[in-house]
C-alpha atoms as a PDB file:
ATOM      1  CA  MET A   1       0.003   0.008  -0.004  1.00  0.00           C
ATOM      2  CA  SER A   2       2.561   2.492  -1.249  1.00  0.00           C
ATOM      3  CA  ASP A   3      -0.018   5.277  -1.622  1.00  0.00           C
ATOM      4  CA  LEU A   4      -0.722   5.423   2.071  1.00  0.00           C
ATOM      5  CA  PRO A   5       2.129   7.825   3.059  1.00  0.00           C
ATOM      6  CA  ALA A   6       0.460  10.249   0.635  1.00  0.00           C
ATOM      7  CA  VAL A   7      -2.764   9.814   2.656  1.00  0.00           C
ATOM      8  CA  VAL A   8      -0.887  10.813   5.852  1.00  0.00           C
ATOM      9  CA  ARG A   9       0.493  13.899   4.109  1.00  0.00           C
ATOM     10  CA  ALA A  10      -2.946  14.818   2.816  1.00  0.00           C
ATOM     11  CA  ASP A  11      -4.483  14.446   6.258  1.00  0.00           C
ATOM     12  CA  ALA A  12      -1.757  16.611   7.816  1.00  0.00           C
ATOM     13  CA  LYS A  13      -2.260  19.313   5.177  1.00  0.00           C
ATOM     14  CA  ARG A  14      -6.003  19.287   5.671  1.00  0.00           C
ATOM     15  CA  LEU A  15      -5.628  19.439   9.422  1.00  0.00           C
ATOM     16  CA  THR A  16      -3.254  22.467   9.403  1.00  0.00           C
ATOM     17  CA  ARG A  17      -5.591  24.532   7.262  1.00  0.00           C
ATOM     18  CA  ASP A  18      -8.734  23.880   9.341  1.00  0.00           C
ATOM     19  CA  PRO A  19      -8.917  26.015  12.533  1.00  0.00           C
ATOM     20  CA  PHE A  20     -11.741  23.868  13.962  1.00  0.00           C
ATOM     21  CA  LEU A  21      -9.782  20.673  13.687  1.00  0.00           C
ATOM     22  CA  LEU A  22      -6.728  22.353  15.162  1.00  0.00           C
ATOM     23  CA  PHE A  23      -8.809  23.505  18.092  1.00  0.00           C
ATOM     24  CA  MET A  24     -10.148  20.014  18.574  1.00  0.00           C
ATOM     25  CA  ILE A  25      -6.592  18.682  18.803  1.00  0.00           C
ATOM     26  CA  GLY A  26      -5.608  21.368  21.258  1.00  0.00           C
ATOM     27  CA  TYR A  27      -8.463  21.652  23.701  1.00  0.00           C
ATOM     28  CA  PRO A  28      -7.915  18.346  25.616  1.00  0.00           C
ATOM     29  CA  TRP A  29      -4.413  19.671  26.505  1.00  0.00           C
ATOM     30  CA  LEU A  30      -5.895  22.909  27.753  1.00  0.00           C
ATOM     31  CA  LEU A  31      -8.494  21.038  29.783  1.00  0.00           C
ATOM     32  CA  ALA A  32      -5.824  18.749  31.283  1.00  0.00           C
ATOM     33  CA  LEU A  33      -3.787  21.733  32.358  1.00  0.00           C
ATOM     34  CA  ALA A  34      -6.868  23.453  33.801  1.00  0.00           C
ATOM     35  CA  LEU A  35      -7.723  20.340  35.865  1.00  0.00           C
ATOM     36  CA  ARG A  36      -4.142  20.018  37.057  1.00  0.00           C
ATOM     37  CA  HIS A  37      -4.111  23.539  38.489  1.00  0.00           C
ATOM     38  CA  LEU A  38      -7.755  24.279  39.248  1.00  0.00           C
ATOM     39  CA  LEU A  39      -9.089  21.096  40.829  1.00  0.00           C
ATOM     40  CA  PRO A  40      -6.698  21.002  43.836  1.00  0.00           C
ATOM     41  CA  TRP A  41      -7.363  24.688  44.412  1.00  0.00           C
ATOM     42  CA  LEU A  42     -11.178  24.193  44.262  1.00  0.00           C
ATOM     43  CA  ASN A  43     -10.900  21.092  46.482  1.00  0.00           C
ATOM     44  CA  GLN A  44      -9.104  23.105  49.097  1.00  0.00           C
ATOM     45  CA  HIS A  45     -11.498  26.044  49.034  1.00  0.00           C
ATOM     46  CA  LEU A  46     -14.654  23.849  49.007  1.00  0.00           C
ATOM     47  CA  ALA A  47     -13.413  21.412  51.685  1.00  0.00           C
ATOM     48  CA  ASP A  48     -15.981  22.569  54.236  1.00  0.00           C
ATOM     49  CA  ARG A  49     -18.892  21.952  51.785  1.00  0.00           C
ATOM     50  CA  LEU A  50     -17.766  19.286  49.383  1.00  0.00           C
ATOM     51  CA  THR A  51     -15.084  16.667  49.102  1.00  0.00           C
ATOM     52  CA  LEU A  52     -14.274  17.336  45.472  1.00  0.00           C
ATOM     53  CA  SER A  53     -11.476  14.793  45.395  1.00  0.00           C
ATOM     54  CA  ASP A  54     -14.050  12.039  45.479  1.00  0.00           C
ATOM     55  CA  TYR A  55     -14.921  12.972  41.932  1.00  0.00           C
ATOM     56  CA  TYR A  56     -11.428  13.289  40.557  1.00  0.00           C
ATOM     57  CA  PRO A  57     -11.759   9.957  38.683  1.00  0.00           C
ATOM     58  CA  VAL A  58     -14.599  11.335  36.592  1.00  0.00           C
ATOM     59  CA  ALA A  59     -12.614  14.399  35.566  1.00  0.00           C
ATOM     60  CA  ALA A  60      -9.448  12.414  34.915  1.00  0.00           C
ATOM     61  CA  CYS A  61     -11.271   9.795  32.885  1.00  0.00           C
ATOM     62  CA  LEU A  62     -12.965  12.502  30.823  1.00  0.00           C
ATOM     63  CA  VAL A  63      -9.661  14.173  29.949  1.00  0.00           C
ATOM     64  CA  ALA A  64      -7.905  10.959  29.105  1.00  0.00           C
ATOM     65  CA  LEU A  65     -10.637   9.507  26.895  1.00  0.00           C
ATOM     66  CA  LEU A  66     -11.082  12.752  25.068  1.00  0.00           C
ATOM     67  CA  ALA A  67      -8.020  11.621  23.095  1.00  0.00           C
ATOM     68  CA  PRO A  68      -9.610   8.805  21.067  1.00  0.00           C
ATOM     69  CA  ASN A  69     -12.875  10.803  20.878  1.00  0.00           C
ATOM     70  CA  VAL A  70     -11.093  13.860  19.394  1.00  0.00           C
ATOM     71  CA  MET A  71      -9.053  11.660  17.026  1.00  0.00           C
ATOM     72  CA  GLY A  72     -12.375  10.172  15.840  1.00  0.00           C
ATOM     73  CA  ILE A  73     -13.982  13.609  15.362  1.00  0.00           C
ATOM     74  CA  VAL A  74     -10.960  14.796  13.308  1.00  0.00           C
ATOM     75  CA  LEU A  75     -11.130  11.655  11.139  1.00  0.00           C
ATOM     76  CA  GLY A  76     -14.932  11.940  10.815  1.00  0.00           C
ATOM     77  CA  PHE A  77     -14.781  15.503   9.503  1.00  0.00           C
ATOM     78  CA  GLN A  78     -12.022  14.615   7.083  1.00  0.00           C
ATOM     79  CA  LEU A  79     -14.110  11.700   5.796  1.00  0.00           C
ATOM     80  CA  LEU A  80     -17.080  14.062   5.391  1.00  0.00           C
ATOM     81  CA  GLU A  81     -14.951  16.450   3.365  1.00  0.00           C
ATOM     82  CA  GLU A  82     -13.754  13.643   1.138  1.00  0.00           C
ATOM     83  CA  LYS A  83     -17.244  12.413   0.684  1.00  0.00           C
ATOM     84  CA  ASP A  84     -18.366  15.905  -0.357  1.00  0.00           C
ATOM     85  CA  GLU A  85     -15.444  16.086  -2.860  1.00  0.00           C
ATOM     86  CA  GLY A  86     -16.192  12.626  -4.257  1.00  0.00           C
ATOM     87  CA  SER A  87     -12.742  11.398  -3.227  1.00  0.00           C
ATOM     88  CA  LEU A  88     -14.077   8.289  -1.562  1.00  0.00           C
ATOM     89  CA  VAL A  89     -15.790   7.115  -4.691  1.00  0.00           C
ATOM     90  CA  ALA A  90     -12.512   7.598  -6.553  1.00  0.00           C
ATOM     91  CA  VAL A  91     -10.640   5.629  -3.860  1.00  0.00           C
ATOM     92  CA  ALA A  92     -13.006   2.702  -4.276  1.00  0.00           C
ATOM     93  CA  VAL A  93     -11.847   2.040  -7.859  1.00  0.00           C
ATOM     94  CA  THR A  94      -8.108   2.247  -7.138  1.00  0.00           C
ATOM     95  CA  PRO A  95      -5.897  -0.716  -6.034  1.00  0.00           C
ATOM     96  CA  VAL A  96      -6.323   0.613  -2.483  1.00  0.00           C
ATOM     97  CA  SER A  97      -9.960  -0.360  -1.761  1.00  0.00           C
ATOM     98  CA  LEU A  98     -12.215   1.841   0.337  1.00  0.00           C
ATOM     99  CA  ASP A  99     -12.129  -0.909   3.017  1.00  0.00           C
ATOM    100  CA  GLN A 100      -8.352  -0.817   3.156  1.00  0.00           C
ATOM    101  CA  TYR A 101      -8.289   2.928   3.059  1.00  0.00           C
ATOM    102  CA  PHE A 102     -10.612   3.283   6.039  1.00  0.00           C
ATOM    103  CA  LEU A 103      -8.957   0.475   7.991  1.00  0.00           C
ATOM    104  CA  TYR A 104      -5.527   2.088   7.621  1.00  0.00           C
ATOM    105  CA  ARG A 105      -6.726   5.545   8.628  1.00  0.00           C
ATOM    106  CA  ALA A 106      -8.869   4.278  11.553  1.00  0.00           C
ATOM    107  CA  THR A 107      -5.984   2.166  12.825  1.00  0.00           C
ATOM    108  CA  LEU A 108      -3.598   5.091  12.537  1.00  0.00           C
ATOM    109  CA  TYR A 109      -5.831   7.514  14.409  1.00  0.00           C
ATOM    110  CA  ALA A 110      -6.698   4.922  17.045  1.00  0.00           C
ATOM    111  CA  LEU A 111      -3.077   4.064  17.751  1.00  0.00           C
ATOM    112  CA  VAL A 112      -2.086   7.720  17.919  1.00  0.00           C
ATOM    113  CA  SER A 113      -4.691   8.128  20.654  1.00  0.00           C
ATOM    114  CA  VAL A 114      -3.005   5.425  22.899  1.00  0.00           C
ATOM    115  CA  PRO A 115      -0.027   7.550  24.059  1.00  0.00           C
ATOM    116  CA  LEU A 116      -2.235  10.582  24.121  1.00  0.00           C
ATOM    117  CA  VAL A 117      -4.525   8.960  26.691  1.00  0.00           C
ATOM    118  CA  VAL A 118      -1.548   8.207  28.923  1.00  0.00           C
ATOM    119  CA  VAL A 119       0.052  11.669  28.523  1.00  0.00           C
ATOM    120  CA  LEU A 120      -3.223  13.613  29.080  1.00  0.00           C
ATOM    121  CA  HIS A 121      -4.085  11.542  32.159  1.00  0.00           C
ATOM    122  CA  GLU A 122      -0.670  12.129  33.651  1.00  0.00           C
ATOM    123  CA  LEU A 123      -0.718  15.796  32.659  1.00  0.00           C
ATOM    124  CA  ALA A 124      -4.002  16.296  34.520  1.00  0.00           C
ATOM    125  CA  GLY A 125      -2.257  14.548  37.475  1.00  0.00           C
ATOM    126  CA  VAL A 126      -5.291  14.297  39.757  1.00  0.00           C
ATOM    127  CA  VAL A 127      -5.559  10.492  39.928  1.00  0.00           C
ATOM    128  CA  ALA A 128      -2.674   8.023  40.423  1.00  0.00           C
ATOM    129  CA  LEU A 129      -3.044   4.861  38.349  1.00  0.00           C
ATOM    130  CA  PRO A 130      -0.414   2.115  37.816  1.00  0.00           C
ATOM    131  CA  PRO A 131       1.246   2.585  34.385  1.00  0.00           C
ATOM    132  CA  GLY A 132       0.322  -0.899  33.276  1.00  0.00           C
ATOM    133  CA  GLN A 133      -3.376  -0.471  34.007  1.00  0.00           C
ATOM    134  CA  LEU A 134      -3.461   2.971  32.445  1.00  0.00           C
ATOM    135  CA  ALA A 135      -1.865   1.563  29.280  1.00  0.00           C
ATOM    136  CA  LEU A 136      -4.437  -1.208  29.104  1.00  0.00           C
ATOM    137  CA  VAL A 137      -7.256   1.325  29.486  1.00  0.00           C
ATOM    138  CA  ALA A 138      -5.676   3.365  26.690  1.00  0.00           C
ATOM    139  CA  LEU A 139      -5.666   0.304  24.443  1.00  0.00           C
ATOM    140  CA  ALA A 140      -9.206  -0.585  25.404  1.00  0.00           C
ATOM    141  CA  ALA A 141     -10.323   2.957  24.423  1.00  0.00           C
ATOM    142  CA  THR A 142      -8.934   2.722  20.863  1.00  0.00           C
ATOM    143  CA  PRO A 143     -12.306   1.718  19.290  1.00  0.00           C
ATOM    144  CA  ILE A 144     -13.711   5.083  20.409  1.00  0.00           C
ATOM    145  CA  ALA A 145     -11.784   6.729  17.591  1.00  0.00           C
ATOM    146  CA  PRO A 146     -13.332   4.875  14.616  1.00  0.00           C
ATOM    147  CA  LEU A 147     -16.669   4.798  16.447  1.00  0.00           C
ATOM    148  CA  SER A 148     -16.753   8.603  16.735  1.00  0.00           C
ATOM    149  CA  ALA A 149     -15.519   8.999  13.187  1.00  0.00           C
ATOM    150  CA  LEU A 150     -18.215   6.747  11.728  1.00  0.00           C
ATOM    151  CA  ILE A 151     -21.039   8.318  13.736  1.00  0.00           C
ATOM    152  CA  ILE A 152     -20.187  11.694  12.215  1.00  0.00           C
ATOM    153  CA  ALA A 153     -19.302  10.530   8.688  1.00  0.00           C
ATOM    154  CA  GLY A 154     -22.128   8.009   8.528  1.00  0.00           C
ATOM    155  CA  PHE A 155     -25.000  10.048   9.863  1.00  0.00           C
ATOM    156  CA  ALA A 156     -24.126  13.555   8.612  1.00  0.00           C
ATOM    157  CA  GLY A 157     -24.706  14.513   4.974  1.00  0.00           C
ATOM    158  CA  ASN A 158     -22.291  17.406   5.061  1.00  0.00           C
ATOM    159  CA  GLN A 159     -19.978  19.252   7.466  1.00  0.00           C
ATOM    160  CA  VAL A 160     -22.750  21.482   8.754  1.00  0.00           C
ATOM    161  CA  GLU A 161     -24.742  18.423   9.739  1.00  0.00           C
ATOM    162  CA  GLY A 162     -21.468  16.990  11.119  1.00  0.00           C
ATOM    163  CA  PHE A 163     -21.364  19.669  13.806  1.00  0.00           C
ATOM    164  CA  ALA A 164     -24.917  18.804  14.911  1.00  0.00           C
ATOM    165  CA  VAL A 165     -24.118  15.026  14.956  1.00  0.00           C
ATOM    166  CA  MET A 166     -20.923  15.685  16.907  1.00  0.00           C
ATOM    167  CA  LYS A 167     -22.781  17.680  19.569  1.00  0.00           C
ATOM    168  CA  GLY A 168     -25.536  15.052  19.747  1.00  0.00           C
ATOM    169  CA  SER A 169     -22.995  12.232  20.159  1.00  0.00           C
ATOM    170  CA  GLY A 170     -21.626  13.802  23.311  1.00  0.00           C
ATOM    171  CA  PHE A 171     -23.725  11.356  25.330  1.00  0.00           C
ATOM    172  CA  LEU A 172     -21.421   8.548  24.275  1.00  0.00           C
ATOM    173  CA  LEU A 173     -18.873   9.920  26.780  1.00  0.00           C
ATOM    174  CA  MET A 174     -21.049  11.750  29.259  1.00  0.00           C
ATOM    175  CA  GLY A 175     -23.541   8.930  29.724  1.00  0.00           C
ATOM    176  CA  PRO A 176     -20.931   6.326  30.760  1.00  0.00           C
ATOM    177  CA  LEU A 177     -19.154   8.884  32.940  1.00  0.00           C
ATOM    178  CA  ALA A 178     -22.429   9.421  34.763  1.00  0.00           C
ATOM    179  CA  SER A 179     -22.420   5.742  35.667  1.00  0.00           C
ATOM    180  CA  PHE A 180     -19.801   6.631  38.285  1.00  0.00           C
ATOM    181  CA  PHE A 181     -22.744   7.887  40.378  1.00  0.00           C
ATOM    182  CA  ILE A 182     -24.937   4.869  39.864  1.00  0.00           C
ATOM    183  CA  VAL A 183     -24.890   2.050  42.389  1.00  0.00           C
ATOM    184  CA  HIS A 184     -23.542  -1.258  41.103  1.00  0.00           C
ATOM    185  CA  PRO A 185     -24.926  -3.356  39.422  1.00  0.00           C
ATOM    186  CA  TRP A 186     -27.439  -0.823  38.035  1.00  0.00           C
ATOM    187  CA  ASP A 187     -24.624   1.000  36.344  1.00  0.00           C
ATOM    188  CA  LEU A 188     -24.266  -1.987  33.998  1.00  0.00           C
ATOM    189  CA  LEU A 189     -27.450  -0.828  32.293  1.00  0.00           C
ATOM    190  CA  VAL A 190     -25.377   1.912  30.729  1.00  0.00           C
ATOM    191  CA  GLY A 191     -23.344  -0.867  29.114  1.00  0.00           C
ATOM    192  CA  ILE A 192     -25.631  -0.633  26.101  1.00  0.00           C
ATOM    193  CA  LEU A 193     -23.395   2.252  25.027  1.00  0.00           C
ATOM    194  CA  PRO A 194     -20.165   0.837  23.615  1.00  0.00           C
ATOM    195  CA  THR A 195     -18.145   3.649  25.127  1.00  0.00           C
ATOM    196  CA  TYR A 196     -19.189   2.489  28.648  1.00  0.00           C
ATOM    197  CA  TRP A 197     -16.703  -0.380  28.783  1.00  0.00           C
ATOM    198  CA  PRO A 198     -13.350   1.341  28.632  1.00  0.00           C
ATOM    199  CA  ILE A 199     -14.731   3.899  31.096  1.00  0.00           C
ATOM    200  CA  LYS A 200     -15.856   1.061  33.339  1.00  0.00           C
ATOM    201  CA  ALA A 201     -12.396  -0.462  33.090  1.00  0.00           C
ATOM    202  CA  TYR A 202     -10.887   2.814  34.280  1.00  0.00           C
ATOM    203  CA  PHE A 203     -13.237   3.101  37.177  1.00  0.00           C
ATOM    204  CA  ALA A 204     -12.689  -0.557  38.109  1.00  0.00           C
ATOM    205  CA  ALA A 205      -8.887  -0.027  38.034  1.00  0.00           C
ATOM    206  CA  ILE A 206      -9.474   2.568  40.771  1.00  0.00           C
ATOM    207  CA  GLN A 207     -12.283   1.118  42.767  1.00  0.00           C
ATOM    208  CA  GLY A 208     -12.247  -2.597  41.868  1.00  0.00           C
ATOM    209  CA  PRO A 209     -13.160  -5.333  41.842  1.00  0.00           C
ATOM    210  CA  PRO A 210     -10.188  -6.608  39.834  1.00  0.00           C
ATOM    211  CA  ALA A 211     -12.395  -9.080  37.914  1.00  0.00           C
ATOM    212  CA  MET A 212     -14.508  -6.240  36.577  1.00  0.00           C
ATOM    213  CA  PHE A 213     -11.409  -4.481  35.295  1.00  0.00           C
ATOM    214  CA  TRP A 214     -10.445  -7.491  33.161  1.00  0.00           C
ATOM    215  CA  VAL A 215     -14.007  -8.178  31.986  1.00  0.00           C
ATOM    216  CA  SER A 216     -14.426  -4.578  30.987  1.00  0.00           C
ATOM    217  CA  LEU A 217     -11.175  -4.624  29.003  1.00  0.00           C
ATOM    218  CA  VAL A 218     -12.258  -7.688  27.033  1.00  0.00           C
ATOM    219  CA  VAL A 219     -15.721  -6.259  26.297  1.00  0.00           C
ATOM    220  CA  SER A 220     -14.122  -2.927  25.347  1.00  0.00           C
ATOM    221  CA  LEU A 221     -12.327  -4.687  22.460  1.00  0.00           C
ATOM    222  CA  VAL A 222     -15.256  -6.821  21.294  1.00  0.00           C
ATOM    223  CA  TYR A 223     -18.520  -4.892  21.611  1.00  0.00           C
ATOM    224  CA  PRO A 224     -17.345  -1.450  20.350  1.00  0.00           C
ATOM    225  CA  LEU A 225     -15.575  -3.087  17.411  1.00  0.00           C
ATOM    226  CA  ALA A 226     -18.763  -4.883  16.416  1.00  0.00           C
ATOM    227  CA  CYS A 227     -20.468  -1.526  16.478  1.00  0.00           C
ATOM    228  CA  VAL A 228     -17.675  -0.071  14.287  1.00  0.00           C
ATOM    229  CA  VAL A 229     -18.265  -2.824  11.723  1.00  0.00           C
ATOM    230  CA  LEU A 230     -21.967  -2.092  11.563  1.00  0.00           C
ATOM    231  CA  LEU A 231     -21.410   1.689  11.326  1.00  0.00           C
ATOM    232  CA  TYR A 232     -18.824   1.203   8.605  1.00  0.00           C
ATOM    233  CA  ARG A 233     -21.299  -0.669   6.445  1.00  0.00           C
ATOM    234  CA  LEU A 234     -23.727   2.184   6.794  1.00  0.00           C
ATOM    235  CA  PHE A 235     -20.969   4.721   5.995  1.00  0.00           C
ATOM    236  CA  ARG A 236     -19.758   2.754   2.993  1.00  0.00           C
ATOM    237  CA  ARG A 237     -23.208   2.439   1.489  1.00  0.00           C
ATOM    238  CA  ARG A 238     -23.880   6.166   1.852  1.00  0.00           C
ATOM    239  CA  ALA A 239     -20.393   7.111   0.570  1.00  0.00           C
ATOM    240  CA  MET A 240     -20.861   5.056  -2.590  1.00  0.00           C
ATOM    241  CA  THR A 241     -24.363   6.295  -3.334  1.00  0.00           C
ATOM    242  CA  GLY A 242     -23.482   9.982  -2.659  1.00  0.00           C
END
């Protein structure tokens, strides 16, 4: 697949000329820095009314898992632009099939998110997690990238609709994060959302039980990927029919 380095260069060029996509790449870093400096200060000043540190895992998990979510959003908007330009139809008749093209790009964006999860979590610095467990959570969260991309590219007809779909899909992170406040086992009802499982793995790494951590990791790599396959079929059909 010798044409794929050209795909990377084209993605980089498209990214640097789009202020929105640049902002999406940058804002998790700003949020991580804000949490690092503001949460301890707020915890100290609200100590007589609220133990804010009890909720640090929610904030830390949000910042960390923004990485694959943002990578997916960036990829989704690039796919939308290519669909508008007719580039995806052209790709489908080249030696690099549309399936290979998407698989390569989705894998690239997902893998880039892995070190970003770790770095953003440690940059926020409000929750201590063993490096091995954090790395496993980062790997478990990789399907979020193609999932987010396909939700945007599959359900939006153009980039304007893409913004609406992106905003509407926010529940995919916020819903599972809210499960932190739901008594177990009722929180498992949120497991219908594929993004719940890497988030559950993160919470289980902090609170236990250990068995739930491992179960959540396995489900994180099976259920969300099955959803990605279904969403890709929808995206491919719409991309080919215009």
